[in-house]
């Protein structure tokens, strides 16, 4: 799947949409919004939407694609959470240097 950013406002939001087609997706878009909770914690809100093709098979493709995409997304964000936890001091140093 090829994507292109349609909004990018670091560190608050990033949004992308699919370019062209990538089976089973006819349309796909997602956004990530970073929301600070306090000085040491934050939450990232990930929202996505998609449409599968061909249209006559959506009744079966949509639930399968959603389950697969949800599973892969949970795995990716779990890896990111582990990485950030393991490298918290480096992340903080990078954030301070970026200000």
N, C-alpha and C. Protein backbone atom coordinates (compact mmCIF):
# COMPACT_ATOMS: atom_id res chain seq x y z
N UNK A 1 0.85 -1.17 0.00
CA UNK A 1 0.00 0.00 0.00
C UNK A 1 0.89 1.23 0.00
N UNK A 2 0.63 2.14 -0.91
CA UNK A 2 1.33 3.42 -0.92
C UNK A 2 0.43 4.46 -0.28
N UNK A 3 1.01 5.28 0.59
CA UNK A 3 0.23 6.31 1.27
C UNK A 3 0.88 7.66 1.06
N UNK A 4 0.10 8.70 1.29
CA UNK A 4 0.64 10.06 1.26
C UNK A 4 0.08 10.81 2.46
N UNK A 5 0.93 11.63 3.07
CA UNK A 5 0.48 12.45 4.18
C UNK A 5 -0.41 13.56 3.65
N UNK A 6 -1.54 13.77 4.32
CA UNK A 6 -2.43 14.86 3.94
C UNK A 6 -2.46 15.93 5.03
N UNK A 7 -1.93 15.59 6.20
CA UNK A 7 -1.78 16.56 7.29
C UNK A 7 -0.61 16.11 8.15
N UNK A 8 0.21 17.06 8.56
CA UNK A 8 1.33 16.73 9.42
C UNK A 8 1.65 17.96 10.25
N UNK A 9 1.38 17.89 11.52
CA UNK A 9 1.63 18.98 12.45
C UNK A 9 2.32 18.38 13.67
N UNK A 10 3.62 18.14 13.53
CA UNK A 10 4.39 17.51 14.59
C UNK A 10 4.39 18.36 15.83
N UNK A 11 4.18 17.85 17.00
CA UNK A 11 3.91 16.46 17.34
C UNK A 11 2.44 16.17 17.56
N UNK A 12 1.56 17.01 17.07
CA UNK A 12 0.14 16.86 17.39
C UNK A 12 -0.61 15.87 16.51
N UNK A 13 -0.44 15.96 15.21
CA UNK A 13 -1.27 15.12 14.33
C UNK A 13 -0.49 14.73 13.07
N UNK A 14 -0.80 13.54 12.60
CA UNK A 14 -0.33 13.06 11.29
C UNK A 14 -1.50 12.31 10.67
N UNK A 15 -1.77 12.60 9.41
CA UNK A 15 -2.87 11.93 8.72
C UNK A 15 -2.40 11.53 7.33
N UNK A 16 -2.86 10.37 6.91
CA UNK A 16 -2.44 9.85 5.60
C UNK A 16 -3.62 9.19 4.91
N UNK A 17 -3.50 9.10 3.58
CA UNK A 17 -4.50 8.37 2.81
C UNK A 17 -3.78 7.49 1.81
N UNK A 18 -4.46 6.46 1.37
CA UNK A 18 -3.91 5.53 0.40
C UNK A 18 -3.89 6.17 -0.98
N UNK A 19 -2.81 5.90 -1.71
CA UNK A 19 -2.72 6.31 -3.11
C UNK A 19 -3.01 5.10 -3.98
N UNK A 20 -3.87 5.26 -4.94
CA UNK A 20 -4.21 4.16 -5.83
C UNK A 20 -5.02 3.09 -5.11
N UNK A 21 -4.76 1.85 -5.45
CA UNK A 21 -5.47 0.73 -4.83
C UNK A 21 -4.47 -0.30 -4.34
N UNK A 22 -4.87 -1.02 -3.32
CA UNK A 22 -4.07 -2.13 -2.79
C UNK A 22 -5.07 -3.14 -2.24
N UNK A 23 -5.23 -4.25 -2.94
CA UNK A 23 -6.23 -5.24 -2.54
C UNK A 23 -6.05 -5.60 -1.08
N UNK A 24 -7.13 -5.65 -0.31
CA UNK A 24 -8.53 -5.54 -0.68
C UNK A 24 -9.09 -4.13 -0.53
N UNK A 25 -8.21 -3.14 -0.36
CA UNK A 25 -8.69 -1.79 -0.06
C UNK A 25 -8.95 -0.99 -1.33
N UNK A 26 -10.13 -0.38 -1.41
CA UNK A 26 -10.44 0.59 -2.45
C UNK A 26 -10.16 1.99 -1.93
N UNK A 27 -10.28 2.16 -0.60
CA UNK A 27 -10.04 3.44 0.06
C UNK A 27 -9.54 3.15 1.46
N UNK A 28 -8.54 3.93 1.91
CA UNK A 28 -8.00 3.78 3.25
C UNK A 28 -7.45 5.13 3.69
N UNK A 29 -7.70 5.49 4.94
CA UNK A 29 -7.15 6.72 5.50
C UNK A 29 -6.98 6.52 7.01
N UNK A 30 -6.03 7.24 7.57
CA UNK A 30 -5.79 7.11 9.01
C UNK A 30 -5.20 8.41 9.56
N UNK A 31 -5.40 8.60 10.85
CA UNK A 31 -4.77 9.74 11.52
C UNK A 31 -4.29 9.31 12.89
N UNK A 32 -3.25 9.97 13.35
CA UNK A 32 -2.71 9.77 14.69
C UNK A 32 -2.67 11.14 15.36
N UNK A 33 -3.30 11.22 16.52
CA UNK A 33 -3.30 12.47 17.28
C UNK A 33 -2.65 12.21 18.63
N UNK A 34 -1.70 13.05 18.95
CA UNK A 34 -1.01 12.95 20.23
C UNK A 34 -1.67 13.91 21.21
N UNK A 35 -2.05 13.38 22.37
CA UNK A 35 -2.69 14.20 23.39
C UNK A 35 -1.95 14.03 24.71
N UNK A 36 -1.26 15.07 25.17
CA UNK A 36 -0.59 14.99 26.47
C UNK A 36 -1.61 14.81 27.59
N UNK A 37 -1.26 13.98 28.56
CA UNK A 37 -2.09 13.80 29.75
C UNK A 37 -1.53 14.65 30.88
N UNK A 38 -0.23 14.55 31.09
CA UNK A 38 0.49 15.39 32.04
C UNK A 38 1.93 15.48 31.55
N UNK A 39 2.85 15.94 32.38
CA UNK A 39 4.23 16.13 31.91
C UNK A 39 4.94 14.84 31.53
N UNK A 40 4.53 13.73 32.11
CA UNK A 40 5.25 12.49 31.83
C UNK A 40 4.44 11.43 31.08
N UNK A 41 3.19 11.75 30.75
CA UNK A 41 2.36 10.76 30.07
C UNK A 41 1.57 11.41 28.95
N UNK A 42 1.26 10.58 27.96
CA UNK A 42 0.43 11.05 26.85
C UNK A 42 -0.30 9.85 26.27
N UNK A 43 -1.22 10.16 25.40
CA UNK A 43 -1.96 9.10 24.72
C UNK A 43 -1.95 9.45 23.23
N UNK A 44 -1.87 8.41 22.40
CA UNK A 44 -1.97 8.62 20.98
C UNK A 44 -3.28 8.01 20.52
N UNK A 45 -4.09 8.80 19.86
CA UNK A 45 -5.38 8.34 19.36
C UNK A 45 -5.22 8.04 17.87
N UNK A 46 -5.42 6.79 17.52
CA UNK A 46 -5.26 6.34 16.15
C UNK A 46 -6.64 6.02 15.59
N UNK A 47 -6.98 6.65 14.49
CA UNK A 47 -8.28 6.46 13.86
C UNK A 47 -8.05 6.09 12.39
N UNK A 48 -8.78 5.10 11.92
CA UNK A 48 -8.66 4.75 10.52
C UNK A 48 -10.02 4.41 9.95
N UNK A 49 -10.10 4.50 8.64
CA UNK A 49 -11.31 4.07 7.93
C UNK A 49 -10.86 3.46 6.61
N UNK A 50 -11.68 2.57 6.10
CA UNK A 50 -11.36 1.94 4.83
C UNK A 50 -12.63 1.46 4.17
N UNK A 51 -12.47 1.14 2.90
CA UNK A 51 -13.53 0.53 2.11
C UNK A 51 -12.87 -0.53 1.26
N UNK A 52 -13.45 -1.70 1.21
CA UNK A 52 -12.87 -2.78 0.42
C UNK A 52 -13.54 -2.87 -0.94
N UNK A 53 -12.88 -3.60 -1.81
CA UNK A 53 -13.41 -3.84 -3.15
C UNK A 53 -13.05 -5.26 -3.55
N UNK A 54 -13.84 -5.89 -4.36
CA UNK A 54 -15.00 -5.37 -5.08
C UNK A 54 -16.23 -5.23 -4.18
N UNK A 55 -17.06 -4.29 -4.53
CA UNK A 55 -18.25 -3.96 -3.74
C UNK A 55 -19.13 -5.17 -3.40
N UNK A 56 -19.39 -6.08 -4.34
CA UNK A 56 -20.26 -7.22 -3.99
C UNK A 56 -19.69 -8.14 -2.90
N UNK A 57 -18.38 -8.04 -2.66
CA UNK A 57 -17.76 -8.90 -1.64
C UNK A 57 -17.48 -8.17 -0.32
N UNK A 58 -17.91 -6.93 -0.22
CA UNK A 58 -17.64 -6.16 1.01
C UNK A 58 -18.19 -6.83 2.26
N UNK A 59 -19.31 -7.49 2.14
CA UNK A 59 -19.93 -8.12 3.31
C UNK A 59 -19.00 -9.14 3.94
N UNK A 60 -18.13 -9.75 3.13
CA UNK A 60 -17.18 -10.71 3.69
C UNK A 60 -15.78 -10.10 3.84
N UNK A 61 -15.39 -9.21 2.93
CA UNK A 61 -14.05 -8.63 2.99
C UNK A 61 -13.89 -7.63 4.13
N UNK A 62 -14.91 -6.79 4.40
CA UNK A 62 -14.79 -5.78 5.45
C UNK A 62 -14.46 -6.37 6.82
N UNK A 63 -15.20 -7.37 7.31
CA UNK A 63 -14.87 -7.91 8.63
C UNK A 63 -13.49 -8.57 8.68
N UNK A 64 -13.11 -9.25 7.60
CA UNK A 64 -11.80 -9.90 7.56
C UNK A 64 -10.69 -8.85 7.55
N UNK A 65 -10.84 -7.84 6.70
CA UNK A 65 -9.84 -6.77 6.62
C UNK A 65 -9.75 -6.02 7.95
N UNK A 66 -10.88 -5.76 8.59
CA UNK A 66 -10.87 -5.05 9.87
C UNK A 66 -10.15 -5.87 10.93
N UNK A 67 -10.44 -7.15 11.00
CA UNK A 67 -9.78 -8.01 11.99
C UNK A 67 -8.28 -8.06 11.76
N UNK A 68 -7.87 -8.23 10.52
CA UNK A 68 -6.43 -8.29 10.21
C UNK A 68 -5.76 -6.95 10.49
N UNK A 69 -6.40 -5.86 10.10
CA UNK A 69 -5.81 -4.54 10.31
C UNK A 69 -5.75 -4.21 11.80
N UNK A 70 -6.79 -4.52 12.55
CA UNK A 70 -6.78 -4.30 14.01
C UNK A 70 -5.65 -5.08 14.66
N UNK A 71 -5.49 -6.34 14.29
CA UNK A 71 -4.46 -7.20 14.87
C UNK A 71 -3.07 -6.65 14.57
N UNK A 72 -2.81 -6.29 13.32
CA UNK A 72 -1.51 -5.74 12.94
C UNK A 72 -1.25 -4.41 13.63
N UNK A 73 -2.27 -3.58 13.74
CA UNK A 73 -2.12 -2.28 14.39
C UNK A 73 -1.79 -2.45 15.86
N UNK A 74 -2.49 -3.35 16.55
CA UNK A 74 -2.18 -3.60 17.96
C UNK A 74 -0.75 -4.07 18.13
N UNK A 75 -0.27 -4.96 17.26
CA UNK A 75 1.11 -5.44 17.33
C UNK A 75 2.10 -4.30 17.13
N UNK A 76 1.87 -3.45 16.15
CA UNK A 76 2.79 -2.34 15.87
C UNK A 76 2.85 -1.36 17.04
N UNK A 77 1.68 -1.02 17.58
CA UNK A 77 1.68 -0.07 18.69
C UNK A 77 2.24 -0.68 19.97
N UNK A 78 2.09 -1.98 20.16
CA UNK A 78 2.72 -2.64 21.32
C UNK A 78 4.24 -2.59 21.18
N UNK A 79 4.76 -2.82 19.97
CA UNK A 79 6.21 -2.71 19.75
C UNK A 79 6.68 -1.29 19.99
N UNK A 80 5.92 -0.30 19.52
CA UNK A 80 6.31 1.08 19.74
C UNK A 80 6.30 1.42 21.23
N UNK A 81 5.29 0.95 21.97
CA UNK A 81 5.21 1.20 23.41
C UNK A 81 6.43 0.59 24.12
N UNK A 82 6.79 -0.64 23.75
CA UNK A 82 7.97 -1.28 24.36
C UNK A 82 9.24 -0.52 24.02
N UNK A 83 9.38 -0.09 22.78
CA UNK A 83 10.57 0.66 22.37
C UNK A 83 10.67 1.97 23.16
N UNK A 84 9.57 2.71 23.23
CA UNK A 84 9.60 4.00 23.93
C UNK A 84 9.89 3.81 25.42
N UNK A 85 9.34 2.76 26.01
CA UNK A 85 9.62 2.49 27.43
C UNK A 85 11.09 2.14 27.63
N UNK A 86 11.65 1.35 26.74
CA UNK A 86 13.04 0.93 26.87
C UNK A 86 14.02 2.07 26.60
N UNK A 87 13.58 3.07 25.83
CA UNK A 87 14.46 4.17 25.44
C UNK A 87 13.95 5.51 25.95
N UNK A 88 13.26 5.50 27.08
CA UNK A 88 12.62 6.70 27.60
C UNK A 88 13.61 7.84 27.79
N UNK A 89 14.78 7.56 28.34
CA UNK A 89 15.75 8.64 28.59
C UNK A 89 16.23 9.25 27.27
N UNK A 90 16.44 8.41 26.26
CA UNK A 90 16.86 8.92 24.95
C UNK A 90 15.76 9.76 24.31
N UNK A 91 14.52 9.30 24.46
CA UNK A 91 13.39 10.05 23.89
C UNK A 91 13.28 11.41 24.57
N UNK A 92 13.41 11.44 25.90
CA UNK A 92 13.36 12.72 26.61
C UNK A 92 14.49 13.65 26.16
N UNK A 93 15.69 13.12 26.01
CA UNK A 93 16.83 13.94 25.56
C UNK A 93 16.56 14.49 24.16
N UNK A 94 16.00 13.65 23.28
CA UNK A 94 15.68 14.11 21.93
C UNK A 94 14.61 15.20 21.96
N UNK A 95 13.58 15.01 22.83
CA UNK A 95 12.53 16.01 22.94
C UNK A 95 13.09 17.35 23.43
N UNK A 96 13.97 17.30 24.42
CA UNK A 96 14.57 18.53 24.96
C UNK A 96 15.41 19.21 23.89
N UNK A 97 16.18 18.44 23.14
CA UNK A 97 17.03 19.01 22.09
C UNK A 97 16.22 19.60 20.95
N UNK A 98 15.00 19.08 20.75
CA UNK A 98 14.14 19.53 19.66
C UNK A 98 13.37 20.80 19.99
N UNK A 99 13.37 21.18 21.24
CA UNK A 99 12.59 22.37 21.63
C UNK A 99 13.28 23.65 21.26
